[in-house]
Amino acid sequence: MRYIKNWKQFQRVLISIFLWIIAAIWYIPIFWMLSTSLKSTQIAITEDPPRLIPKEPTLENYKTVFSAASGISVMRGIINSIIVAVVSTILGLVIATPAAYALSRLNFKGRNAIFWSYVAILAFPGVLFLVPQYFIIHRLGLMDNFLALILPGLGSTFGVFLLRQYMLGIPRELEDAAWIDGCSRLRFLITVVIPYVKPALTTLALMSFLGSWNSFLWPLLVMNSPEKLTLPIALVRFSAGWGDPFRGIGPLMAGAFISVLPTLIIFVVFHKYLMQGISLSVGEK
């Protein structure tokens, strides 16, 4: 028994070491990006061997990124991305929550057909819907409008699926007790269901925000005005203005790090909620 116990501990140590190595490999490009953004362009190009920790760190690259003289307003892109991501996330939760509640707690004709249609949609890649979405947005006259970025993401099939799986874990006895006390469905949804599925709502909110923040292809198709560009598109326009990529390697790395910073912060701060929400919701039957 002692041998088996020691062997299991040894296995845990090996797995931990392996995971730390994988994490280090994943983070090296991000550390390198941050390091290069804190170096002058000349040092970043000519330094041999390259240093991960800058000898003389500088914020000049970040000043260049936020400078109006660059021709493309990266700061405006950040503001636009925040607006679109926040509004999309809030409206997405408002729509997905009652839809998931109906599919999980209400008995009506065609409920299973609707649910399995949602599951079927999840099997297709999102890029498959770009063309029909583009024609719909164009026909509605919403091209180059923030609504073109917000509306397509409101009917999130994954969000409804995630919340529905989580709501199935609500005890039926709790619902019956609420009906006996005269609780309406709306009140039950607000006072009981939403607090119960708070981890899943947090997970969905974080994933929706990151999906909108990092979206590139769809904003590239529907947005044209420089003052309405989101951050990923603004950074591409900013990088194209340098012509020679080596000449602008410092500012480019600064802009790239600004783009990934919210993702890093959200993952580090809320990774517990992300893992807990996904694992528990998928585990429900």
C-alpha atoms as a PDB file:
ATOM      1  CA  MET A   1       0.000   0.000   0.000  1.00  0.00           C
ATOM      2  CA  ARG A   2       2.833   2.361   0.839  1.00  0.00           C
ATOM      3  CA  TYR A   3       4.441   1.634  -2.522  1.00  0.00           C
ATOM      4  CA  ILE A   4       1.190   2.422  -4.338  1.00  0.00           C
ATOM      5  CA  LYS A   5       0.761   5.647  -2.368  1.00  0.00           C
ATOM      6  CA  ASN A   6       4.314   6.783  -3.173  1.00  0.00           C
ATOM      7  CA  TRP A   7       3.817   5.900  -6.831  1.00  0.00           C
ATOM      8  CA  LYS A   8       0.631   8.001  -7.015  1.00  0.00           C
ATOM      9  CA  GLN A   9       2.437  10.945  -5.414  1.00  0.00           C
ATOM     10  CA  PHE A  10       5.274  10.529  -7.905  1.00  0.00           C
ATOM     11  CA  GLN A  11       2.751  10.542 -10.755  1.00  0.00           C
ATOM     12  CA  ARG A  12       1.205  13.769  -9.454  1.00  0.00           C
ATOM     13  CA  VAL A  13       4.637  15.394  -9.321  1.00  0.00           C
ATOM     14  CA  LEU A  14       5.407  14.305 -12.901  1.00  0.00           C
ATOM     15  CA  ILE A  15       2.056  15.601 -14.140  1.00  0.00           C
ATOM     16  CA  SER A  16       2.572  18.912 -12.334  1.00  0.00           C
ATOM     17  CA  ILE A  17       6.042  19.328 -13.848  1.00  0.00           C
ATOM     18  CA  PHE A  18       4.691  18.509 -17.302  1.00  0.00           C
ATOM     19  CA  LEU A  19       1.857  21.040 -16.947  1.00  0.00           C
ATOM     20  CA  TRP A  20       4.249  23.750 -15.729  1.00  0.00           C
ATOM     21  CA  ILE A  21       6.462  23.122 -18.773  1.00  0.00           C
ATOM     22  CA  ILE A  22       3.466  23.398 -21.106  1.00  0.00           C
ATOM     23  CA  ALA A  23       2.386  26.619 -19.364  1.00  0.00           C
ATOM     24  CA  ALA A  24       5.897  28.062 -19.677  1.00  0.00           C
ATOM     25  CA  ILE A  25       6.015  27.245 -23.396  1.00  0.00           C
ATOM     26  CA  TRP A  26       2.609  28.893 -23.868  1.00  0.00           C
ATOM     27  CA  TYR A  27       3.643  32.054 -21.998  1.00  0.00           C
ATOM     28  CA  ILE A  28       7.090  32.511 -23.586  1.00  0.00           C
ATOM     29  CA  PRO A  29       5.729  34.313 -26.706  1.00  0.00           C
ATOM     30  CA  ILE A  30       3.702  36.653 -24.476  1.00  0.00           C
ATOM     31  CA  PHE A  31       6.728  37.443 -22.295  1.00  0.00           C
ATOM     32  CA  TRP A  32       8.760  38.004 -25.457  1.00  0.00           C
ATOM     33  CA  MET A  33       6.076  40.321 -26.825  1.00  0.00           C
ATOM     34  CA  LEU A  34       6.103  42.360 -23.601  1.00  0.00           C
ATOM     35  CA  SER A  35       9.903  42.416 -23.537  1.00  0.00           C
ATOM     36  CA  THR A  36      10.161  43.651 -27.137  1.00  0.00           C
ATOM     37  CA  SER A  37       7.524  46.313 -26.511  1.00  0.00           C
ATOM     38  CA  LEU A  38       9.706  47.742 -23.724  1.00  0.00           C
ATOM     39  CA  LYS A  39      12.789  48.033 -25.959  1.00  0.00           C
ATOM     40  CA  SER A  40      13.635  50.683 -28.493  1.00  0.00           C
ATOM     41  CA  THR A  41      13.280  49.487 -32.092  1.00  0.00           C
ATOM     42  CA  GLN A  42      17.013  49.736 -32.723  1.00  0.00           C
ATOM     43  CA  ILE A  43      17.857  47.597 -29.703  1.00  0.00           C
ATOM     44  CA  ALA A  44      15.122  45.071 -30.535  1.00  0.00           C
ATOM     45  CA  ILE A  45      16.615  44.580 -34.029  1.00  0.00           C
ATOM     46  CA  THR A  46      20.370  44.700 -33.317  1.00  0.00           C
ATOM     47  CA  GLU A  47      20.525  43.069 -29.871  1.00  0.00           C
ATOM     48  CA  ASP A  48      22.641  39.905 -30.010  1.00  0.00           C
ATOM     49  CA  PRO A  49      21.880  37.714 -28.177  1.00  0.00           C
ATOM     50  CA  PRO A  50      18.336  38.905 -27.512  1.00  0.00           C
ATOM     51  CA  ARG A  51      17.509  39.564 -23.870  1.00  0.00           C
ATOM     52  CA  LEU A  52      14.190  38.535 -22.342  1.00  0.00           C
ATOM     53  CA  ILE A  53      14.509  41.212 -19.646  1.00  0.00           C
ATOM     54  CA  PRO A  54      15.212  44.641 -21.225  1.00  0.00           C
ATOM     55  CA  LYS A  55      18.390  46.304 -20.005  1.00  0.00           C
ATOM     56  CA  GLU A  56      16.912  49.792 -20.433  1.00  0.00           C
ATOM     57  CA  PRO A  57      13.099  49.483 -20.545  1.00  0.00           C
ATOM     58  CA  THR A  58      11.185  52.306 -22.196  1.00  0.00           C
ATOM     59  CA  LEU A  59       7.537  53.211 -22.783  1.00  0.00           C
ATOM     60  CA  GLU A  60       8.201  55.055 -26.039  1.00  0.00           C
ATOM     61  CA  ASN A  61       6.580  52.290 -28.083  1.00  0.00           C
ATOM     62  CA  TYR A  62       3.337  52.632 -26.134  1.00  0.00           C
ATOM     63  CA  LYS A  63       3.426  56.411 -26.575  1.00  0.00           C
ATOM     64  CA  THR A  64       3.799  55.841 -30.323  1.00  0.00           C
ATOM     65  CA  VAL A  65       0.811  53.478 -30.379  1.00  0.00           C
ATOM     66  CA  PHE A  66      -1.458  55.971 -28.626  1.00  0.00           C
ATOM     67  CA  SER A  67      -0.117  58.966 -30.523  1.00  0.00           C
ATOM     68  CA  ALA A  68      -2.571  60.636 -32.887  1.00  0.00           C
ATOM     69  CA  ALA A  69       0.349  61.181 -35.266  1.00  0.00           C
ATOM     70  CA  SER A  70       0.314  57.460 -36.102  1.00  0.00           C
ATOM     71  CA  GLY A  71      -2.683  58.087 -38.394  1.00  0.00           C
ATOM     72  CA  ILE A  72      -4.819  55.304 -36.870  1.00  0.00           C
ATOM     73  CA  SER A  73      -6.424  55.907 -33.462  1.00  0.00           C
ATOM     74  CA  VAL A  74      -5.648  52.777 -31.474  1.00  0.00           C
ATOM     75  CA  MET A  75      -7.203  54.394 -28.414  1.00  0.00           C
ATOM     76  CA  ARG A  76     -10.442  54.858 -30.332  1.00  0.00           C
ATOM     77  CA  GLY A  77     -10.235  51.194 -31.338  1.00  0.00           C
ATOM     78  CA  ILE A  78      -9.950  50.195 -27.679  1.00  0.00           C
ATOM     79  CA  ILE A  79     -13.004  52.283 -26.765  1.00  0.00           C
ATOM     80  CA  ASN A  80     -15.012  50.819 -29.661  1.00  0.00           C
ATOM     81  CA  SER A  81     -14.047  47.271 -28.693  1.00  0.00           C
ATOM     82  CA  ILE A  82     -15.049  47.862 -25.072  1.00  0.00           C
ATOM     83  CA  ILE A  83     -18.435  49.298 -26.094  1.00  0.00           C
ATOM     84  CA  VAL A  84     -19.212  46.467 -28.508  1.00  0.00           C
ATOM     85  CA  ALA A  85     -17.984  43.727 -26.150  1.00  0.00           C
ATOM     86  CA  VAL A  86     -19.859  45.031 -23.096  1.00  0.00           C
ATOM     87  CA  VAL A  87     -23.148  45.655 -24.919  1.00  0.00           C
ATOM     88  CA  SER A  88     -22.956  42.304 -26.741  1.00  0.00           C
ATOM     89  CA  THR A  89     -22.261  40.470 -23.488  1.00  0.00           C
ATOM     90  CA  ILE A  90     -25.097  42.089 -21.524  1.00  0.00           C
ATOM     91  CA  LEU A  91     -27.712  41.691 -24.264  1.00  0.00           C
ATOM     92  CA  GLY A  92     -26.540  38.149 -24.943  1.00  0.00           C
ATOM     93  CA  LEU A  93     -27.101  37.179 -21.300  1.00  0.00           C
ATOM     94  CA  VAL A  94     -30.512  38.867 -21.256  1.00  0.00           C
ATOM     95  CA  ILE A  95     -31.611  36.831 -24.288  1.00  0.00           C
ATOM     96  CA  ALA A  96     -29.919  33.501 -23.485  1.00  0.00           C
ATOM     97  CA  THR A  97     -31.144  33.238 -19.872  1.00  0.00           C
ATOM     98  CA  PRO A  98     -34.927  33.076 -20.499  1.00  0.00           C
ATOM     99  CA  ALA A  99     -34.365  30.936 -23.602  1.00  0.00           C
ATOM    100  CA  ALA A 100     -32.364  28.414 -21.566  1.00  0.00           C
ATOM    101  CA  TYR A 101     -34.992  28.512 -18.819  1.00  0.00           C
ATOM    102  CA  ALA A 102     -37.762  27.692 -21.297  1.00  0.00           C
ATOM    103  CA  LEU A 103     -35.796  24.773 -22.765  1.00  0.00           C
ATOM    104  CA  SER A 104     -34.903  23.341 -19.359  1.00  0.00           C
ATOM    105  CA  ARG A 105     -37.930  23.929 -17.102  1.00  0.00           C
ATOM    106  CA  LEU A 106     -41.011  24.398 -19.319  1.00  0.00           C
ATOM    107  CA  ASN A 107     -42.935  21.613 -21.029  1.00  0.00           C
ATOM    108  CA  PHE A 108     -44.214  22.611 -24.440  1.00  0.00           C
ATOM    109  CA  LYS A 109     -44.594  20.960 -27.815  1.00  0.00           C
ATOM    110  CA  GLY A 110     -41.424  20.923 -29.862  1.00  0.00           C
ATOM    111  CA  ARG A 111     -39.069  21.671 -26.956  1.00  0.00           C
ATOM    112  CA  ASN A 112     -36.762  18.749 -27.691  1.00  0.00           C
ATOM    113  CA  ALA A 113     -36.723  19.553 -31.404  1.00  0.00           C
ATOM    114  CA  ILE A 114     -35.657  23.127 -30.667  1.00  0.00           C
ATOM    115  CA  PHE A 115     -32.962  21.971 -28.249  1.00  0.00           C
ATOM    116  CA  TRP A 116     -31.477  19.436 -30.653  1.00  0.00           C
ATOM    117  CA  SER A 117     -31.513  22.024 -33.417  1.00  0.00           C
ATOM    118  CA  TYR A 118     -29.333  24.152 -31.126  1.00  0.00           C
ATOM    119  CA  VAL A 119     -27.001  21.193 -30.602  1.00  0.00           C
ATOM    120  CA  ALA A 120     -26.862  20.595 -34.359  1.00  0.00           C
ATOM    121  CA  ILE A 121     -25.897  24.218 -35.001  1.00  0.00           C
ATOM    122  CA  LEU A 122     -22.964  23.843 -32.592  1.00  0.00           C
ATOM    123  CA  ALA A 123     -21.557  21.175 -34.908  1.00  0.00           C
ATOM    124  CA  PHE A 124     -20.986  23.735 -37.692  1.00  0.00           C
ATOM    125  CA  PRO A 125     -18.088  26.218 -37.701  1.00  0.00           C
ATOM    126  CA  GLY A 126     -19.043  29.841 -37.196  1.00  0.00           C
ATOM    127  CA  VAL A 127     -17.398  30.908 -40.454  1.00  0.00           C
ATOM    128  CA  LEU A 128     -20.100  28.960 -42.297  1.00  0.00           C
ATOM    129  CA  PHE A 129     -22.666  31.613 -41.301  1.00  0.00           C
ATOM    130  CA  LEU A 130     -20.640  34.649 -42.368  1.00  0.00           C
ATOM    131  CA  VAL A 131     -22.149  34.928 -45.847  1.00  0.00           C
ATOM    132  CA  PRO A 132     -25.844  34.769 -44.832  1.00  0.00           C
ATOM    133  CA  GLN A 133     -25.141  37.115 -41.907  1.00  0.00           C
ATOM    134  CA  TYR A 134     -23.416  39.543 -44.254  1.00  0.00           C
ATOM    135  CA  PHE A 135     -26.386  39.603 -46.654  1.00  0.00           C
ATOM    136  CA  ILE A 136     -28.838  40.106 -43.782  1.00  0.00           C
ATOM    137  CA  ILE A 137     -26.836  42.990 -42.315  1.00  0.00           C
ATOM    138  CA  HIS A 138     -26.463  44.536 -45.777  1.00  0.00           C
ATOM    139  CA  ARG A 139     -30.199  44.279 -46.493  1.00  0.00           C
ATOM    140  CA  LEU A 140     -30.996  45.876 -43.138  1.00  0.00           C
ATOM    141  CA  GLY A 141     -28.747  48.818 -43.982  1.00  0.00           C
ATOM    142  CA  LEU A 142     -26.508  48.248 -40.957  1.00  0.00           C
ATOM    143  CA  MET A 143     -23.144  48.173 -42.724  1.00  0.00           C
ATOM    144  CA  ASP A 144     -20.485  50.231 -40.928  1.00  0.00           C
ATOM    145  CA  ASN A 145     -22.702  50.364 -37.861  1.00  0.00           C
ATOM    146  CA  PHE A 146     -21.998  49.033 -34.371  1.00  0.00           C
ATOM    147  CA  LEU A 147     -25.282  47.113 -34.546  1.00  0.00           C
ATOM    148  CA  ALA A 148     -23.688  44.985 -37.264  1.00  0.00           C
ATOM    149  CA  LEU A 149     -21.180  43.790 -34.656  1.00  0.00           C
ATOM    150  CA  ILE A 150     -23.686  43.346 -31.836  1.00  0.00           C
ATOM    151  CA  LEU A 151     -26.794  41.747 -33.380  1.00  0.00           C
ATOM    152  CA  PRO A 152     -25.292  38.553 -34.923  1.00  0.00           C
ATOM    153  CA  GLY A 153     -23.876  37.437 -31.581  1.00  0.00           C
ATOM    154  CA  LEU A 154     -27.047  37.858 -29.532  1.00  0.00           C
ATOM    155  CA  GLY A 155     -28.562  34.501 -30.435  1.00  0.00           C
ATOM    156  CA  SER A 156     -25.673  32.494 -29.019  1.00  0.00           C
ATOM    157  CA  THR A 157     -26.462  28.792 -29.373  1.00  0.00           C
ATOM    158  CA  PHE A 158     -23.565  27.888 -27.096  1.00  0.00           C
ATOM    159  CA  GLY A 159     -24.820  30.296 -24.423  1.00  0.00           C
ATOM    160  CA  VAL A 160     -28.310  28.805 -24.438  1.00  0.00           C
ATOM    161  CA  PHE A 161     -26.862  25.282 -24.389  1.00  0.00           C
ATOM    162  CA  LEU A 162     -24.498  26.096 -21.503  1.00  0.00           C
ATOM    163  CA  LEU A 163     -27.172  27.707 -19.323  1.00  0.00           C
ATOM    164  CA  ARG A 164     -29.748  25.059 -20.158  1.00  0.00           C
ATOM    165  CA  GLN A 165     -27.424  22.253 -19.041  1.00  0.00           C
ATOM    166  CA  TYR A 166     -26.751  24.096 -15.795  1.00  0.00           C
ATOM    167  CA  MET A 167     -30.429  24.820 -15.106  1.00  0.00           C
ATOM    168  CA  LEU A 168     -31.254  21.124 -15.322  1.00  0.00           C
ATOM    169  CA  GLY A 169     -29.548  20.756 -11.947  1.00  0.00           C
ATOM    170  CA  ILE A 170     -32.141  22.891 -10.149  1.00  0.00           C
ATOM    171  CA  PRO A 171     -34.132  20.544  -7.871  1.00  0.00           C
ATOM    172  CA  ARG A 172     -37.726  20.075  -8.969  1.00  0.00           C
ATOM    173  CA  GLU A 173     -38.802  20.232  -5.305  1.00  0.00           C
ATOM    174  CA  LEU A 174     -37.510  23.789  -5.093  1.00  0.00           C
ATOM    175  CA  GLU A 175     -39.635  24.772  -8.057  1.00  0.00           C
ATOM    176  CA  ASP A 176     -42.719  23.065  -6.637  1.00  0.00           C
ATOM    177  CA  ALA A 177     -42.263  24.881  -3.324  1.00  0.00           C
ATOM    178  CA  ALA A 178     -42.062  28.189  -5.186  1.00  0.00           C
ATOM    179  CA  TRP A 179     -45.370  27.495  -6.975  1.00  0.00           C
ATOM    180  CA  ILE A 180     -47.059  26.652  -3.663  1.00  0.00           C
ATOM    181  CA  ASP A 181     -45.884  29.992  -2.261  1.00  0.00           C
ATOM    182  CA  GLY A 182     -47.475  31.764  -5.227  1.00  0.00           C
ATOM    183  CA  CYS A 183     -44.219  32.600  -7.022  1.00  0.00           C
ATOM    184  CA  SER A 184     -44.634  33.536 -10.678  1.00  0.00           C
ATOM    185  CA  ARG A 185     -42.305  32.163 -13.355  1.00  0.00           C
ATOM    186  CA  LEU A 186     -40.640  35.537 -13.843  1.00  0.00           C
ATOM    187  CA  ARG A 187     -40.026  35.938 -10.129  1.00  0.00           C
ATOM    188  CA  PHE A 188     -38.754  32.356  -9.887  1.00  0.00           C
ATOM    189  CA  LEU A 189     -36.364  33.032 -12.773  1.00  0.00           C
ATOM    190  CA  ILE A 190     -35.019  36.213 -11.178  1.00  0.00           C
ATOM    191  CA  THR A 191     -34.865  35.182  -7.522  1.00  0.00           C
ATOM    192  CA  VAL A 192     -34.013  31.482  -7.780  1.00  0.00           C
ATOM    193  CA  VAL A 193     -32.728  30.449 -11.189  1.00  0.00           C
ATOM    194  CA  ILE A 194     -30.335  33.333 -11.886  1.00  0.00           C
ATOM    195  CA  PRO A 195     -28.555  33.102  -8.484  1.00  0.00           C
ATOM    196  CA  TYR A 196     -28.301  29.323  -8.938  1.00  0.00           C
ATOM    197  CA  VAL A 197     -26.696  29.587 -12.377  1.00  0.00           C
ATOM    198  CA  LYS A 198     -24.407  32.484 -11.423  1.00  0.00           C
ATOM    199  CA  PRO A 199     -21.213  30.464 -12.138  1.00  0.00           C
ATOM    200  CA  ALA A 200     -22.510  29.569 -15.604  1.00  0.00           C
ATOM    201  CA  LEU A 201     -23.563  33.181 -16.244  1.00  0.00           C
ATOM    202  CA  THR A 202     -20.097  34.343 -15.212  1.00  0.00           C
ATOM    203  CA  THR A 203     -18.500  31.813 -17.537  1.00  0.00           C
ATOM    204  CA  LEU A 204     -20.745  32.801 -20.435  1.00  0.00           C
ATOM    205  CA  ALA A 205     -20.165  36.522 -19.803  1.00  0.00           C
ATOM    206  CA  LEU A 206     -16.382  36.089 -19.824  1.00  0.00           C
ATOM    207  CA  MET A 207     -16.408  33.940 -22.954  1.00  0.00           C
ATOM    208  CA  SER A 208     -18.776  36.321 -24.743  1.00  0.00           C
ATOM    209  CA  PHE A 209     -16.643  39.323 -23.846  1.00  0.00           C
ATOM    210  CA  LEU A 210     -13.432  37.651 -25.020  1.00  0.00           C
ATOM    211  CA  GLY A 211     -15.080  36.405 -28.215  1.00  0.00           C
ATOM    212  CA  SER A 212     -16.265  39.911 -29.085  1.00  0.00           C
ATOM    213  CA  TRP A 213     -12.983  41.540 -28.029  1.00  0.00           C
ATOM    214  CA  ASN A 214     -10.859  39.201 -30.171  1.00  0.00           C
ATOM    215  CA  SER A 215     -13.218  39.110 -33.168  1.00  0.00           C
ATOM    216  CA  PHE A 216     -11.380  40.013 -36.372  1.00  0.00           C
ATOM    217  CA  LEU A 217     -12.938  38.610 -39.540  1.00  0.00           C
ATOM    218  CA  TRP A 218     -16.520  39.827 -39.009  1.00  0.00           C
ATOM    219  CA  PRO A 219     -15.571  43.446 -38.086  1.00  0.00           C
ATOM    220  CA  LEU A 220     -13.218  43.442 -41.063  1.00  0.00           C
ATOM    221  CA  LEU A 221     -16.149  42.632 -43.373  1.00  0.00           C
ATOM    222  CA  VAL A 222     -18.740  45.085 -42.061  1.00  0.00           C
ATOM    223  CA  MET A 223     -16.792  48.084 -40.706  1.00  0.00           C
ATOM    224  CA  ASN A 224     -15.063  50.694 -42.894  1.00  0.00           C
ATOM    225  CA  SER A 225     -14.907  54.059 -41.117  1.00  0.00           C
ATOM    226  CA  PRO A 226     -11.581  54.619 -39.279  1.00  0.00           C
ATOM    227  CA  GLU A 227     -13.391  56.066 -36.257  1.00  0.00           C
ATOM    228  CA  LYS A 228     -15.554  52.928 -35.921  1.00  0.00           C
ATOM    229  CA  LEU A 229     -12.828  50.289 -36.157  1.00  0.00           C
ATOM    230  CA  THR A 230     -12.424  47.837 -33.294  1.00  0.00           C
ATOM    231  CA  LEU A 231      -9.009  47.217 -31.766  1.00  0.00           C
ATOM    232  CA  PRO A 232      -7.890  44.187 -33.873  1.00  0.00           C
ATOM    233  CA  ILE A 233      -8.653  46.019 -37.130  1.00  0.00           C
ATOM    234  CA  ALA A 234      -7.129  49.278 -35.856  1.00  0.00           C
ATOM    235  CA  LEU A 235      -3.906  47.425 -35.018  1.00  0.00           C
ATOM    236  CA  VAL A 236      -3.751  45.913 -38.508  1.00  0.00           C
ATOM    237  CA  ARG A 237      -4.203  49.343 -40.084  1.00  0.00           C
ATOM    238  CA  PHE A 238      -1.602  50.733 -37.655  1.00  0.00           C
ATOM    239  CA  SER A 239       0.948  48.041 -38.545  1.00  0.00           C
ATOM    240  CA  ALA A 240       0.381  48.553 -42.278  1.00  0.00           C
ATOM    241  CA  GLY A 241       1.348  52.201 -41.872  1.00  0.00           C
ATOM    242  CA  TRP A 242       4.934  51.295 -40.990  1.00  0.00           C
ATOM    243  CA  GLY A 243       5.678  49.680 -44.341  1.00  0.00           C
ATOM    244  CA  ASP A 244       8.837  47.940 -43.131  1.00  0.00           C
ATOM    245  CA  PRO A 245       7.787  45.646 -40.258  1.00  0.00           C
ATOM    246  CA  PHE A 246      11.276  45.694 -38.720  1.00  0.00           C
ATOM    247  CA  ARG A 247      11.215  49.475 -38.461  1.00  0.00           C
ATOM    248  CA  GLY A 248       8.061  49.308 -36.378  1.00  0.00           C
ATOM    249  CA  ILE A 249       8.706  46.092 -34.443  1.00  0.00           C
ATOM    250  CA  GLY A 250       8.615  47.880 -31.065  1.00  0.00           C
ATOM    251  CA  PRO A 251       5.284  49.700 -31.558  1.00  0.00           C
ATOM    252  CA  LEU A 252       3.777  46.608 -33.185  1.00  0.00           C
ATOM    253  CA  MET A 253       4.641  44.469 -30.157  1.00  0.00           C
ATOM    254  CA  ALA A 254       3.249  47.181 -27.876  1.00  0.00           C
ATOM    255  CA  GLY A 255      -0.042  47.181 -29.802  1.00  0.00           C
ATOM    256  CA  ALA A 256      -0.191  43.381 -29.807  1.00  0.00           C
ATOM    257  CA  PHE A 257       0.378  43.242 -26.058  1.00  0.00           C
ATOM    258  CA  ILE A 258      -2.390  45.809 -25.487  1.00  0.00           C
ATOM    259  CA  SER A 259      -4.691  43.562 -27.508  1.00  0.00           C
ATOM    260  CA  VAL A 260      -3.992  40.395 -25.482  1.00  0.00           C
ATOM    261  CA  LEU A 261      -3.832  42.116 -22.067  1.00  0.00           C
ATOM    262  CA  PRO A 262      -7.601  41.881 -21.290  1.00  0.00           C
ATOM    263  CA  THR A 263      -7.529  38.180 -22.166  1.00  0.00           C
ATOM    264  CA  LEU A 264      -4.642  37.580 -19.779  1.00  0.00           C
ATOM    265  CA  ILE A 265      -6.260  39.566 -16.975  1.00  0.00           C
ATOM    266  CA  ILE A 266      -9.600  37.791 -17.345  1.00  0.00           C
ATOM    267  CA  PHE A 267      -7.997  34.354 -17.430  1.00  0.00           C
ATOM    268  CA  VAL A 268      -5.750  34.984 -14.413  1.00  0.00           C
ATOM    269  CA  VAL A 269      -8.490  36.582 -12.295  1.00  0.00           C
ATOM    270  CA  PHE A 270     -11.493  34.490 -13.354  1.00  0.00           C
ATOM    271  CA  HIS A 271      -9.960  31.148 -14.393  1.00  0.00           C
ATOM    272  CA  LYS A 272     -11.625  29.462 -11.391  1.00  0.00           C
ATOM    273  CA  TYR A 273     -15.071  30.525 -12.606  1.00  0.00           C
ATOM    274  CA  LEU A 274     -14.282  29.526 -16.182  1.00  0.00           C
ATOM    275  CA  MET A 275     -13.215  26.004 -15.212  1.00  0.00           C
ATOM    276  CA  GLN A 276     -15.988  25.537 -12.629  1.00  0.00           C
ATOM    277  CA  GLY A 277     -18.749  26.820 -14.867  1.00  0.00           C
ATOM    278  CA  ILE A 278     -17.777  24.692 -17.858  1.00  0.00           C
ATOM    279  CA  SER A 279     -17.141  21.494 -15.892  1.00  0.00           C
ATOM    280  CA  LEU A 280     -20.344  21.644 -13.859  1.00  0.00           C
ATOM    281  CA  SER A 281     -22.616  22.610 -16.762  1.00  0.00           C
ATOM    282  CA  VAL A 282     -21.264  19.887 -19.032  1.00  0.00           C
ATOM    283  CA  GLY A 283     -21.535  17.373 -16.216  1.00  0.00           C
ATOM    284  CA  GLU A 284     -25.249  17.980 -15.731  1.00  0.00           C
ATOM    285  CA  LYS A 285     -27.633  15.594 -17.423  1.00  0.00           C
END
